[in-house]
Amino acid sequence: MRYIAWIVTIPFALLLLSFAISNREAVTLGLWPLPFRIDAPLYLVALLPLLLGVLIGGLVLWFGRFATGLRMRRLETRLASTQKDLEGLKARQRPGVPASTANRNGDPARPALPAAGQR
């Protein structure tokens, strides 16, 4: 997988480098309601928004992974607790007796529930 990323990245980087070398002419940038004007090379005008888009997309992915990681850690903790409870239940169950009948036989580890009329 790492090689595929390099196979895609290297030609793309060479293409961007060629674009930057070929387009060094200065252009004037202005934003209509503001009186400011900036002279900048054309390659910066084209590549800077691309770079900003990559950075913003990376931040969005990073925050998404952070939230997913938190959720996964909570679920792993919950799973470990559930597995511990299951092991405890298996340890209390007598061998060869299903869990549903163990309480009827007077298992001291499992107290009997009061009957419907008793409370």
PDB file of N, CA and C in Angstrom:
ATOM      1  N   MET A   1       0.830  -1.193   0.000  1.00  0.00           N
ATOM      2  CA  MET A   1       0.000   0.000   0.000  1.00  0.00           C
ATOM      3  C   MET A   1       0.869   1.248   0.000  1.00  0.00           C
ATOM      4  N   ARG A   2       1.973   1.183   0.718  1.00  0.00           N
ATOM      5  CA  ARG A   2       2.859   2.336   0.798  1.00  0.00           C
ATOM      6  C   ARG A   2       3.445   2.666  -0.576  1.00  0.00           C
ATOM      7  N   TYR A   3       3.746   1.621  -1.367  1.00  0.00           N
ATOM      8  CA  TYR A   3       4.317   1.839  -2.693  1.00  0.00           C
ATOM      9  C   TYR A   3       3.315   2.499  -3.622  1.00  0.00           C
ATOM     10  N   ILE A   4       2.064   2.132  -3.514  1.00  0.00           N
ATOM     11  CA  ILE A   4       1.030   2.751  -4.348  1.00  0.00           C
ATOM     12  C   ILE A   4       0.924   4.233  -4.034  1.00  0.00           C
ATOM     13  N   ALA A   5       1.019   4.599  -2.778  1.00  0.00           N
ATOM     14  CA  ALA A   5       0.977   6.014  -2.406  1.00  0.00           C
ATOM     15  C   ALA A   5       2.152   6.766  -3.020  1.00  0.00           C
ATOM     16  N   TRP A   6       3.333   6.157  -3.010  1.00  0.00           N
ATOM     17  CA  TRP A   6       4.495   6.817  -3.624  1.00  0.00           C
ATOM     18  C   TRP A   6       4.342   6.912  -5.137  1.00  0.00           C
ATOM     19  N   ILE A   7       3.778   5.885  -5.759  1.00  0.00           N
ATOM     20  CA  ILE A   7       3.583   5.896  -7.212  1.00  0.00           C
ATOM     21  C   ILE A   7       2.637   7.019  -7.615  1.00  0.00           C
ATOM     22  N   VAL A   8       1.678   7.344  -6.777  1.00  0.00           N
ATOM     23  CA  VAL A   8       0.748   8.439  -7.064  1.00  0.00           C
ATOM     24  C   VAL A   8       1.352   9.788  -6.666  1.00  0.00           C
ATOM     25  N   THR A   9       2.062   9.845  -5.551  1.00  0.00           N
ATOM     26  CA  THR A   9       2.556  11.108  -5.011  1.00  0.00           C
ATOM     27  C   THR A   9       3.690  11.699  -5.847  1.00  0.00           C
ATOM     28  N   ILE A  10       4.626  10.884  -6.268  1.00  0.00           N
ATOM     29  CA  ILE A  10       5.790  11.414  -6.994  1.00  0.00           C
ATOM     30  C   ILE A  10       5.392  12.075  -8.313  1.00  0.00           C
ATOM     31  N   PRO A  11       4.591  11.448  -9.185  1.00  0.00           N
ATOM     32  CA  PRO A  11       4.198  12.168 -10.411  1.00  0.00           C
ATOM     33  C   PRO A  11       3.389  13.435 -10.118  1.00  0.00           C
ATOM     34  N   PHE A  12       2.539  13.399  -9.089  1.00  0.00           N
ATOM     35  CA  PHE A  12       1.754  14.578  -8.746  1.00  0.00           C
ATOM     36  C   PHE A  12       2.662  15.713  -8.267  1.00  0.00           C
ATOM     37  N   ALA A  13       3.662  15.385  -7.469  1.00  0.00           N
ATOM     38  CA  ALA A  13       4.613  16.397  -6.989  1.00  0.00           C
ATOM     39  C   ALA A  13       5.419  16.965  -8.153  1.00  0.00           C
ATOM     40  N   LEU A  14       5.819  16.123  -9.094  1.00  0.00           N
ATOM     41  CA  LEU A  14       6.549  16.608 -10.266  1.00  0.00           C
ATOM     42  C   LEU A  14       5.681  17.520 -11.126  1.00  0.00           C
ATOM     43  N   LEU A  15       4.418  17.174 -11.235  1.00  0.00           N
ATOM     44  CA  LEU A  15       3.482  18.020 -11.985  1.00  0.00           C
ATOM     45  C   LEU A  15       3.326  19.381 -11.311  1.00  0.00           C
ATOM     46  N   LEU A  16       3.194  19.407  -9.994  1.00  0.00           N
ATOM     47  CA  LEU A  16       3.089  20.680  -9.275  1.00  0.00           C
ATOM     48  C   LEU A  16       4.372  21.492  -9.379  1.00  0.00           C
ATOM     49  N   LEU A  17       5.512  20.847  -9.324  1.00  0.00           N
ATOM     50  CA  LEU A  17       6.791  21.536  -9.467  1.00  0.00           C
ATOM     51  C   LEU A  17       6.913  22.152 -10.856  1.00  0.00           C
ATOM     52  N   SER A  18       6.540  21.408 -11.860  1.00  0.00           N
ATOM     53  CA  SER A  18       6.559  21.928 -13.234  1.00  0.00           C
ATOM     54  C   SER A  18       5.621  23.122 -13.376  1.00  0.00           C
ATOM     55  N   PHE A  19       4.452  23.037 -12.771  1.00  0.00           N
ATOM     56  CA  PHE A  19       3.502  24.155 -12.810  1.00  0.00           C
ATOM     57  C   PHE A  19       4.095  25.395 -12.140  1.00  0.00           C
ATOM     58  N   ALA A  20       4.740  25.209 -10.996  1.00  0.00           N
ATOM     59  CA  ALA A  20       5.310  26.339 -10.265  1.00  0.00           C
ATOM     60  C   ALA A  20       6.447  26.992 -11.049  1.00  0.00           C
ATOM     61  N   ILE A  21       7.277  26.185 -11.704  1.00  0.00           N
ATOM     62  CA  ILE A  21       8.391  26.744 -12.477  1.00  0.00           C
ATOM     63  C   ILE A  21       7.880  27.477 -13.716  1.00  0.00           C
ATOM     64  N   SER A  22       6.824  26.964 -14.331  1.00  0.00           N
ATOM     65  CA  SER A  22       6.301  27.553 -15.565  1.00  0.00           C
ATOM     66  C   SER A  22       5.473  28.807 -15.336  1.00  0.00           C
ATOM     67  N   ASN A  23       4.951  29.031 -14.160  1.00  0.00           N
ATOM     68  CA  ASN A  23       4.019  30.139 -13.911  1.00  0.00           C
ATOM     69  C   ASN A  23       4.531  31.055 -12.805  1.00  0.00           C
ATOM     70  N   ARG A  24       5.635  31.730 -13.087  1.00  0.00           N
ATOM     71  CA  ARG A  24       6.212  32.622 -12.081  1.00  0.00           C
ATOM     72  C   ARG A  24       5.816  34.083 -12.296  1.00  0.00           C
ATOM     73  N   GLU A  25       4.979  34.356 -13.284  1.00  0.00           N
ATOM     74  CA  GLU A  25       4.575  35.732 -13.539  1.00  0.00           C
ATOM     75  C   GLU A  25       3.757  36.267 -12.365  1.00  0.00           C
ATOM     76  N   ALA A  26       3.875  37.567 -12.140  1.00  0.00           N
ATOM     77  CA  ALA A  26       3.131  38.193 -11.044  1.00  0.00           C
ATOM     78  C   ALA A  26       1.720  38.539 -11.507  1.00  0.00           C
ATOM     79  N   VAL A  27       0.779  38.306 -10.624  1.00  0.00           N
ATOM     80  CA  VAL A  27      -0.612  38.700 -10.864  1.00  0.00           C
ATOM     81  C   VAL A  27      -1.050  39.576  -9.704  1.00  0.00           C
ATOM     82  N   THR A  28      -2.012  40.437  -9.968  1.00  0.00           N
ATOM     83  CA  THR A  28      -2.519  41.330  -8.940  1.00  0.00           C
ATOM     84  C   THR A  28      -3.825  40.765  -8.406  1.00  0.00           C
ATOM     85  N   LEU A  29      -3.880  40.613  -7.092  1.00  0.00           N
ATOM     86  CA  LEU A  29      -5.074  40.097  -6.435  1.00  0.00           C
ATOM     87  C   LEU A  29      -5.747  41.218  -5.664  1.00  0.00           C
ATOM     88  N   GLY A  30      -7.060  41.254  -5.745  1.00  0.00           N
ATOM     89  CA  GLY A  30      -7.821  42.232  -4.975  1.00  0.00           C
ATOM     90  C   GLY A  30      -9.160  41.645  -4.587  1.00  0.00           C
ATOM     91  N   LEU A  31      -9.694  42.150  -3.526  1.00  0.00           N
ATOM     92  CA  LEU A  31     -11.017  41.731  -3.067  1.00  0.00           C
ATOM     93  C   LEU A  31     -11.907  42.956  -3.177  1.00  0.00           C
ATOM     94  N   TRP A  32     -12.974  42.866  -3.928  1.00  0.00           N
ATOM     95  CA  TRP A  32     -13.736  44.015  -4.364  1.00  0.00           C
ATOM     96  C   TRP A  32     -14.058  45.068  -3.303  1.00  0.00           C
ATOM     97  N   PRO A  33     -14.675  44.733  -2.184  1.00  0.00           N
ATOM     98  CA  PRO A  33     -15.031  45.859  -1.309  1.00  0.00           C
ATOM     99  C   PRO A  33     -13.822  46.467  -0.601  1.00  0.00           C
ATOM    100  N   LEU A  34     -12.717  45.775  -0.555  1.00  0.00           N
ATOM    101  CA  LEU A  34     -11.540  46.275   0.142  1.00  0.00           C
ATOM    102  C   LEU A  34     -10.596  46.968  -0.842  1.00  0.00           C
ATOM    103  N   PRO A  35      -9.902  48.009  -0.383  1.00  0.00           N
ATOM    104  CA  PRO A  35      -9.023  48.753  -1.293  1.00  0.00           C
ATOM    105  C   PRO A  35      -7.637  48.110  -1.442  1.00  0.00           C
ATOM    106  N   PHE A  36      -7.392  46.973  -0.814  1.00  0.00           N
ATOM    107  CA  PHE A  36      -6.063  46.370  -0.840  1.00  0.00           C
ATOM    108  C   PHE A  36      -5.843  45.584  -2.127  1.00  0.00           C
ATOM    109  N   ARG A  37      -4.616  45.658  -2.624  1.00  0.00           N
ATOM    110  CA  ARG A  37      -4.204  44.876  -3.791  1.00  0.00           C
ATOM    111  C   ARG A  37      -2.862  44.242  -3.468  1.00  0.00           C
ATOM    112  N   ILE A  38      -2.693  42.986  -3.884  1.00  0.00           N
ATOM    113  CA  ILE A  38      -1.464  42.246  -3.607  1.00  0.00           C
ATOM    114  C   ILE A  38      -0.930  41.689  -4.920  1.00  0.00           C
ATOM    115  N   ASP A  39       0.363  41.845  -5.140  1.00  0.00           N
ATOM    116  CA  ASP A  39       1.019  41.211  -6.282  1.00  0.00           C
ATOM    117  C   ASP A  39       1.669  39.920  -5.791  1.00  0.00           C
ATOM    118  N   ALA A  40       1.316  38.807  -6.439  1.00  0.00           N
ATOM    119  CA  ALA A  40       1.838  37.505  -6.031  1.00  0.00           C
ATOM    120  C   ALA A  40       2.114  36.671  -7.278  1.00  0.00           C
ATOM    121  N   PRO A  41       3.058  35.743  -7.192  1.00  0.00           N
ATOM    122  CA  PRO A  41       3.287  34.841  -8.334  1.00  0.00           C
ATOM    123  C   PRO A  41       2.055  33.965  -8.591  1.00  0.00           C
ATOM    124  N   LEU A  42       1.842  33.654  -9.851  1.00  0.00           N
ATOM    125  CA  LEU A  42       0.661  32.887 -10.242  1.00  0.00           C
ATOM    126  C   LEU A  42       0.641  31.500  -9.591  1.00  0.00           C
ATOM    127  N   TYR A  43       1.799  30.880  -9.444  1.00  0.00           N
ATOM    128  CA  TYR A  43       1.806  29.547  -8.853  1.00  0.00           C
ATOM    129  C   TYR A  43       1.349  29.582  -7.397  1.00  0.00           C
ATOM    130  N   LEU A  44       1.636  30.674  -6.673  1.00  0.00           N
ATOM    131  CA  LEU A  44       1.138  30.781  -5.298  1.00  0.00           C
ATOM    132  C   LEU A  44      -0.378  30.951  -5.270  1.00  0.00           C
ATOM    133  N   VAL A  45      -0.881  31.727  -6.213  1.00  0.00           N
ATOM    134  CA  VAL A  45      -2.329  31.951  -6.283  1.00  0.00           C
ATOM    135  C   VAL A  45      -3.059  30.632  -6.553  1.00  0.00           C
ATOM    136  N   ALA A  46      -2.452  29.759  -7.329  1.00  0.00           N
ATOM    137  CA  ALA A  46      -3.094  28.489  -7.667  1.00  0.00           C
ATOM    138  C   ALA A  46      -2.850  27.416  -6.613  1.00  0.00           C
ATOM    139  N   LEU A  47      -1.633  27.341  -6.070  1.00  0.00           N
ATOM    140  CA  LEU A  47      -1.288  26.230  -5.183  1.00  0.00           C
ATOM    141  C   LEU A  47      -1.620  26.493  -3.714  1.00  0.00           C
ATOM    142  N   LEU A  48      -1.671  27.740  -3.298  1.00  0.00           N
ATOM    143  CA  LEU A  48      -1.986  28.031  -1.894  1.00  0.00           C
ATOM    144  C   LEU A  48      -3.399  27.566  -1.505  1.00  0.00           C
ATOM    145  N   PRO A  49      -4.419  27.838  -2.330  1.00  0.00           N
ATOM    146  CA  PRO A  49      -5.746  27.289  -1.968  1.00  0.00           C
ATOM    147  C   PRO A  49      -5.764  25.755  -1.952  1.00  0.00           C
ATOM    148  N   LEU A  50      -4.994  25.132  -2.834  1.00  0.00           N
ATOM    149  CA  LEU A  50      -4.903  23.673  -2.832  1.00  0.00           C
ATOM    150  C   LEU A  50      -4.291  23.177  -1.525  1.00  0.00           C
ATOM    151  N   LEU A  51      -3.219  23.816  -1.093  1.00  0.00           N
ATOM    152  CA  LEU A  51      -2.577  23.449   0.164  1.00  0.00           C
ATOM    153  C   LEU A  51      -3.507  23.664   1.353  1.00  0.00           C
ATOM    154  N   LEU A  52      -4.220  24.783   1.360  1.00  0.00           N
ATOM    155  CA  LEU A  52      -5.171  25.041   2.447  1.00  0.00           C
ATOM    156  C   LEU A  52      -6.282  23.993   2.474  1.00  0.00           C
ATOM    157  N   GLY A  53      -6.762  23.582   1.307  1.00  0.00           N
ATOM    158  CA  GLY A  53      -7.793  22.544   1.238  1.00  0.00           C
ATOM    159  C   GLY A  53      -7.302  21.215   1.780  1.00  0.00           C
ATOM    160  N   VAL A  54      -6.065  20.864   1.462  1.00  0.00           N
ATOM    161  CA  VAL A  54      -5.490  19.613   1.972  1.00  0.00           C
ATOM    162  C   VAL A  54      -5.357  19.678   3.490  1.00  0.00           C
ATOM    163  N   LEU A  55      -4.890  20.812   4.010  1.00  0.00           N
ATOM    164  CA  LEU A  55      -4.732  20.952   5.457  1.00  0.00           C
ATOM    165  C   LEU A  55      -6.081  20.903   6.184  1.00  0.00           C
ATOM    166  N   ILE A  56      -7.075  21.593   5.662  1.00  0.00           N
ATOM    167  CA  ILE A  56      -8.397  21.584   6.299  1.00  0.00           C
ATOM    168  C   ILE A  56      -9.010  20.175   6.242  1.00  0.00           C
ATOM    169  N   GLY A  57      -8.867  19.499   5.101  1.00  0.00           N
ATOM    170  CA  GLY A  57      -9.368  18.122   4.988  1.00  0.00           C
ATOM    171  C   GLY A  57      -8.666  17.185   5.954  1.00  0.00           C
ATOM    172  N   GLY A  58      -7.357  17.370   6.120  1.00  0.00           N
ATOM    173  CA  GLY A  58      -6.606  16.552   7.070  1.00  0.00           C
ATOM    174  C   GLY A  58      -7.071  16.778   8.499  1.00  0.00           C
ATOM    175  N   LEU A  59      -7.344  18.038   8.844  1.00  0.00           N
ATOM    176  CA  LEU A  59      -7.847  18.334  10.194  1.00  0.00           C
ATOM    177  C   LEU A  59      -9.213  17.700  10.432  1.00  0.00           C
ATOM    178  N   VAL A  60     -10.077  17.766   9.436  1.00  0.00           N
ATOM    179  CA  VAL A  60     -11.404  17.158   9.569  1.00  0.00           C
ATOM    180  C   VAL A  60     -11.275  15.647   9.779  1.00  0.00           C
ATOM    181  N   LEU A  61     -10.404  15.006   9.000  1.00  0.00           N
ATOM    182  CA  LEU A  61     -10.197  13.567   9.180  1.00  0.00           C
ATOM    183  C   LEU A  61      -9.607  13.257  10.543  1.00  0.00           C
ATOM    184  N   TRP A  62      -8.654  14.080  10.998  1.00  0.00           N
ATOM    185  CA  TRP A  62      -8.016  13.843  12.286  1.00  0.00           C
ATOM    186  C   TRP A  62      -9.024  13.942  13.422  1.00  0.00           C
ATOM    187  N   PHE A  63      -9.886  14.973  13.384  1.00  0.00           N
ATOM    188  CA  PHE A  63     -10.905  15.111  14.424  1.00  0.00           C
ATOM    189  C   PHE A  63     -11.907  13.961  14.362  1.00  0.00           C
ATOM    190  N   GLY A  64     -12.251  13.509  13.164  1.00  0.00           N
ATOM    191  CA  GLY A  64     -13.149  12.364  13.035  1.00  0.00           C
ATOM    192  C   GLY A  64     -12.543  11.101  13.621  1.00  0.00           C
ATOM    193  N   ARG A  65     -11.265  10.880  13.377  1.00  0.00           N
ATOM    194  CA  ARG A  65     -10.589   9.713  13.954  1.00  0.00           C
ATOM    195  C   ARG A  65     -10.469   9.834  15.458  1.00  0.00           C
ATOM    196  N   PHE A  66     -10.283  11.044  15.961  1.00  0.00           N
ATOM    197  CA  PHE A  66     -10.190  11.254  17.399  1.00  0.00           C
ATOM    198  C   PHE A  66     -11.499  10.856  18.079  1.00  0.00           C
ATOM    199  N   ALA A  67     -12.624  11.304  17.510  1.00  0.00           N
ATOM    200  CA  ALA A  67     -13.932  10.955  18.083  1.00  0.00           C
ATOM    201  C   ALA A  67     -14.181   9.450  17.990  1.00  0.00           C
ATOM    202  N   THR A  68     -13.808   8.850  16.869  1.00  0.00           N
ATOM    203  CA  THR A  68     -13.985   7.416  16.703  1.00  0.00           C
ATOM    204  C   THR A  68     -13.104   6.651  17.692  1.00  0.00           C
ATOM    205  N   GLY A  69     -11.880   7.128  17.911  1.00  0.00           N
ATOM    206  CA  GLY A  69     -10.983   6.482  18.862  1.00  0.00           C
ATOM    207  C   GLY A  69     -11.533   6.524  20.278  1.00  0.00           C
ATOM    208  N   LEU A  70     -12.118   7.673  20.667  1.00  0.00           N
ATOM    209  CA  LEU A  70     -12.727   7.760  21.993  1.00  0.00           C
ATOM    210  C   LEU A  70     -13.865   6.765  22.142  1.00  0.00           C
ATOM    211  N   ARG A  71     -14.700   6.688  21.119  1.00  0.00           N
ATOM    212  CA  ARG A  71     -15.831   5.759  21.166  1.00  0.00           C
ATOM    213  C   ARG A  71     -15.334   4.317  21.236  1.00  0.00           C
ATOM    214  N   MET A  72     -14.289   4.021  20.472  1.00  0.00           N
ATOM    215  CA  MET A  72     -13.754   2.664  20.474  1.00  0.00           C
ATOM    216  C   MET A  72     -13.172   2.306  21.839  1.00  0.00           C
ATOM    217  N   ARG A  73     -12.485   3.234  22.488  1.00  0.00           N
ATOM    218  CA  ARG A  73     -11.937   2.948  23.822  1.00  0.00           C
ATOM    219  C   ARG A  73     -13.058   2.683  24.823  1.00  0.00           C
ATOM    220  N   ARG A  74     -14.149   3.463  24.740  1.00  0.00           N
ATOM    221  CA  ARG A  74     -15.283   3.225  25.642  1.00  0.00           C
ATOM    222  C   ARG A  74     -15.891   1.849  25.392  1.00  0.00           C
ATOM    223  N   LEU A  75     -16.039   1.477  24.124  1.00  0.00           N
ATOM    224  CA  LEU A  75     -16.613   0.171  23.809  1.00  0.00           C
ATOM    225  C   LEU A  75     -15.688  -0.965  24.241  1.00  0.00           C
ATOM    226  N   GLU A  76     -14.369  -0.780  24.118  1.00  0.00           N
ATOM    227  CA  GLU A  76     -13.437  -1.804  24.577  1.00  0.00           C
ATOM    228  C   GLU A  76     -13.527  -1.984  26.086  1.00  0.00           C
ATOM    229  N   THR A  77     -13.669  -0.892  26.828  1.00  0.00           N
ATOM    230  CA  THR A  77     -13.824  -0.969  28.278  1.00  0.00           C
ATOM    231  C   THR A  77     -15.114  -1.709  28.632  1.00  0.00           C
ATOM    232  N   ARG A  78     -16.174  -1.377  27.908  1.00  0.00           N
ATOM    233  CA  ARG A  78     -17.458  -2.028  28.153  1.00  0.00           C
ATOM    234  C   ARG A  78     -17.396  -3.519  27.823  1.00  0.00           C
ATOM    235  N   LEU A  79     -16.696  -3.858  26.740  1.00  0.00           N
ATOM    236  CA  LEU A  79     -16.538  -5.258  26.355  1.00  0.00           C
ATOM    237  C   LEU A  79     -15.748  -6.019  27.409  1.00  0.00           C
ATOM    238  N   ALA A  80     -14.678  -5.418  27.911  1.00  0.00           N
ATOM    239  CA  ALA A  80     -13.877  -6.088  28.946  1.00  0.00           C
ATOM    240  C   ALA A  80     -14.717  -6.332  30.196  1.00  0.00           C
ATOM    241  N   SER A  81     -15.541  -5.354  30.566  1.00  0.00           N
ATOM    242  CA  SER A  81     -16.402  -5.510  31.733  1.00  0.00           C
ATOM    243  C   SER A  81     -17.422  -6.637  31.505  1.00  0.00           C
ATOM    244  N   THR A  82     -17.991  -6.675  30.313  1.00  0.00           N
ATOM    245  CA  THR A  82     -18.974  -7.706  29.998  1.00  0.00           C
ATOM    246  C   THR A  82     -18.321  -9.087  29.993  1.00  0.00           C
ATOM    247  N   GLN A  83     -17.117  -9.195  29.455  1.00  0.00           N
ATOM    248  CA  GLN A  83     -16.415 -10.473  29.457  1.00  0.00           C
ATOM    249  C   GLN A  83     -16.092 -10.919  30.879  1.00  0.00           C
ATOM    250  N   LYS A  84     -15.726  -9.976  31.728  1.00  0.00           N
ATOM    251  CA  LYS A  84     -15.438 -10.302  33.129  1.00  0.00           C
ATOM    252  C   LYS A  84     -16.707 -10.807  33.822  1.00  0.00           C
ATOM    253  N   ASP A  85     -17.836 -10.134  33.558  1.00  0.00           N
ATOM    254  CA  ASP A  85     -19.107 -10.587  34.134  1.00  0.00           C
ATOM    255  C   ASP A  85     -19.460 -11.989  33.644  1.00  0.00           C
ATOM    256  N   LEU A  86     -19.240 -12.245  32.358  1.00  0.00           N
ATOM    257  CA  LEU A  86     -19.547 -13.553  31.790  1.00  0.00           C
ATOM    258  C   LEU A  86     -18.673 -14.634  32.413  1.00  0.00           C
ATOM    259  N   GLU A  87     -17.393 -14.342  32.604  1.00  0.00           N
ATOM    260  CA  GLU A  87     -16.510 -15.317  33.238  1.00  0.00           C
ATOM    261  C   GLU A  87     -16.950 -15.592  34.671  1.00  0.00           C
ATOM    262  N   GLY A  88     -17.407 -14.555  35.379  1.00  0.00           N
ATOM    263  CA  GLY A  88     -17.913 -14.746  36.734  1.00  0.00           C
ATOM    264  C   GLY A  88     -19.151 -15.615  36.751  1.00  0.00           C
ATOM    265  N   LEU A  89     -20.049 -15.405  35.804  1.00  0.00           N
ATOM    266  CA  LEU A  89     -21.256 -16.231  35.728  1.00  0.00           C
ATOM    267  C   LEU A  89     -20.911 -17.681  35.396  1.00  0.00           C
ATOM    268  N   LYS A  90     -19.946 -17.866  34.496  1.00  0.00           N
ATOM    269  CA  LYS A  90     -19.541 -19.231  34.151  1.00  0.00           C
ATOM    270  C   LYS A  90     -18.897 -19.922  35.344  1.00  0.00           C
ATOM    271  N   ALA A  91     -18.137 -19.184  36.141  1.00  0.00           N
ATOM    272  CA  ALA A  91     -17.474 -19.768  37.302  1.00  0.00           C
ATOM    273  C   ALA A  91     -18.491 -20.171  38.367  1.00  0.00           C
ATOM    274  N   ARG A  92     -19.578 -19.423  38.498  1.00  0.00           N
ATOM    275  CA  ARG A  92     -20.601 -19.735  39.514  1.00  0.00           C
ATOM    276  C   ARG A  92     -21.499 -20.884  39.098  1.00  0.00           C
ATOM    277  N   GLN A  93     -21.603 -21.124  37.809  1.00  0.00           N
ATOM    278  CA  GLN A  93     -22.480 -22.191  37.329  1.00  0.00           C
ATOM    279  C   GLN A  93     -21.820 -23.540  37.589  1.00  0.00           C
ATOM    280  N   ARG A  94     -22.626 -24.486  38.080  1.00  0.00           N
ATOM    281  CA  ARG A  94     -22.090 -25.825  38.328  1.00  0.00           C
ATOM    282  C   ARG A  94     -21.931 -26.570  37.015  1.00  0.00           C
ATOM    283  N   PRO A  95     -20.903 -27.408  36.916  1.00  0.00           N
ATOM    284  CA  PRO A  95     -20.694 -28.153  35.667  1.00  0.00           C
ATOM    285  C   PRO A  95     -21.857 -29.099  35.378  1.00  0.00           C
ATOM    286  N   GLY A  96     -22.296 -29.110  34.129  1.00  0.00           N
ATOM    287  CA  GLY A  96     -23.349 -30.021  33.709  1.00  0.00           C
ATOM    288  C   GLY A  96     -24.753 -29.547  34.015  1.00  0.00           C
ATOM    289  N   VAL A  97     -24.926 -28.416  34.696  1.00  0.00           N
ATOM    290  CA  VAL A  97     -26.252 -27.908  35.028  1.00  0.00           C
ATOM    291  C   VAL A  97     -26.462 -26.610  34.280  1.00  0.00           C
ATOM    292  N   PRO A  98     -27.498 -26.501  33.458  1.00  0.00           N
ATOM    293  CA  PRO A  98     -27.746 -25.244  32.740  1.00  0.00           C
ATOM    294  C   PRO A  98     -28.004 -24.097  33.716  1.00  0.00           C
ATOM    295  N   ALA A  99     -27.697 -22.903  33.290  1.00  0.00           N
ATOM    296  CA  ALA A  99     -27.832 -21.736  34.161  1.00  0.00           C
ATOM    297  C   ALA A  99     -29.285 -21.507  34.578  1.00  0.00           C
ATOM    298  N   SER A 100     -30.252 -21.862  33.732  1.00  0.00           N
ATOM    299  CA  SER A 100     -31.651 -21.615  34.067  1.00  0.00           C
ATOM    300  C   SER A 100     -32.136 -22.526  35.203  1.00  0.00           C
ATOM    301  N   THR A 101     -31.523 -23.702  35.374  1.00  0.00           N
ATOM    302  CA  THR A 101     -31.969 -24.619  36.426  1.00  0.00           C
ATOM    303  C   THR A 101     -31.107 -24.547  37.671  1.00  0.00           C
ATOM    304  N   ALA A 102     -29.977 -23.856  37.610  1.00  0.00           N
ATOM    305  CA  ALA A 102     -29.075 -23.802  38.762  1.00  0.00           C
ATOM    306  C   ALA A 102     -29.740 -23.111  39.938  1.00  0.00           C
ATOM    307  N   ASN A 103     -30.548 -22.105  39.713  1.00  0.00           N
ATOM    308  CA  ASN A 103     -31.191 -21.369  40.798  1.00  0.00           C
ATOM    309  C   ASN A 103     -32.299 -22.190  41.441  1.00  0.00           C
ATOM    310  N   ARG A 104     -32.956 -23.032  40.684  1.00  0.00           N
ATOM    311  CA  ARG A 104     -34.033 -23.850  41.236  1.00  0.00           C
ATOM    312  C   ARG A 104     -33.493 -24.921  42.173  1.00  0.00           C
ATOM    313  N   ASN A 105     -32.273 -25.297  41.990  1.00  0.00           N
ATOM    314  CA  ASN A 105     -31.667 -26.341  42.814  1.00  0.00           C
ATOM    315  C   ASN A 105     -31.062 -25.782  44.092  1.00  0.00           C
ATOM    316  N   GLY A 106     -31.269 -24.530  44.368  1.00  0.00           N
ATOM    317  CA  GLY A 106     -30.796 -23.961  45.617  1.00  0.00           C
ATOM    318  C   GLY A 106     -29.341 -23.543  45.568  1.00  0.00           C
ATOM    319  N   ASP A 107     -28.903 -23.029  44.456  1.00  0.00           N
ATOM    320  CA  ASP A 107     -27.520 -22.575  44.336  1.00  0.00           C
ATOM    321  C   ASP A 107     -27.320 -21.362  45.248  1.00  0.00           C
ATOM    322  N   PRO A 108     -26.403 -21.439  46.254  1.00  0.00           N
ATOM    323  CA  PRO A 108     -26.228 -20.325  47.181  1.00  0.00           C
ATOM    324  C   PRO A 108     -25.628 -19.087  46.518  1.00  0.00           C
ATOM    325  N   ALA A 109     -24.939 -19.264  45.417  1.00  0.00           N
ATOM    326  CA  ALA A 109     -24.331 -18.103  44.760  1.00  0.00           C
ATOM    327  C   ALA A 109     -25.374 -17.266  44.036  1.00  0.00           C
ATOM    328  N   ARG A 110     -26.539 -17.870  43.778  1.00  0.00           N
ATOM    329  CA  ARG A 110     -27.597 -17.167  43.068  1.00  0.00           C
ATOM    330  C   ARG A 110     -28.842 -17.145  43.941  1.00  0.00           C
ATOM    331  N   PRO A 111     -29.127 -16.048  44.590  1.00  0.00           N
ATOM    332  CA  PRO A 111     -30.309 -16.000  45.447  1.00  0.00           C
ATOM    333  C   PRO A 111     -31.578 -16.113  44.618  1.00  0.00           C
ATOM    334  N   ALA A 112     -32.570 -16.773  45.181  1.00  0.00           N
ATOM    335  CA  ALA A 112     -33.855 -16.928  44.515  1.00  0.00           C
ATOM    336  C   ALA A 112     -34.638 -15.639  44.593  1.00  0.00           C
ATOM    337  N   LEU A 113     -35.369 -15.332  43.536  1.00  0.00           N
ATOM    338  CA  LEU A 113     -36.236 -14.156  43.527  1.00  0.00           C
ATOM    339  C   LEU A 113     -37.498 -14.455  44.292  1.00  0.00           C
ATOM    340  N   PRO A 114     -38.057 -13.443  44.965  1.00  0.00           N
ATOM    341  CA  PRO A 114     -39.308 -13.702  45.693  1.00  0.00           C
ATOM    342  C   PRO A 114     -40.441 -14.006  44.722  1.00  0.00           C
ATOM    343  N   ALA A 115     -41.394 -14.810  45.173  1.00  0.00           N
ATOM    344  CA  ALA A 115     -42.551 -15.146  44.343  1.00  0.00           C
ATOM    345  C   ALA A 115     -43.379 -13.896  44.134  1.00  0.00           C
ATOM    346  N   ALA A 116     -44.294 -13.982  43.175  1.00  0.00           N
ATOM    347  CA  ALA A 116     -45.082 -12.814  42.801  1.00  0.00           C
ATOM    348  C   ALA A 116     -45.907 -12.281  43.982  1.00  0.00           C
ATOM    349  N   GLY A 117     -46.416 -13.147  44.852  1.00  0.00           N
ATOM    350  CA  GLY A 117     -47.231 -12.721  45.988  1.00  0.00           C
ATOM    351  C   GLY A 117     -46.405 -12.231  47.169  1.00  0.00           C
ATOM    352  N   GLN A 118     -45.153 -12.577  47.271  1.00  0.00           N
ATOM    353  CA  GLN A 118     -44.301 -12.194  48.400  1.00  0.00           C
ATOM    354  C   GLN A 118     -43.526 -10.924  48.071  1.00  0.00           C
ATOM    355  N   ARG A 119     -43.543 -10.005  48.970  1.00  0.00           N
ATOM    356  CA  ARG A 119     -42.720  -8.805  48.824  1.00  0.00           C
ATOM    357  C   ARG A 119     -42.563  -8.135  50.115  1.00  0.00           C
TER     358      ARG A 119
END
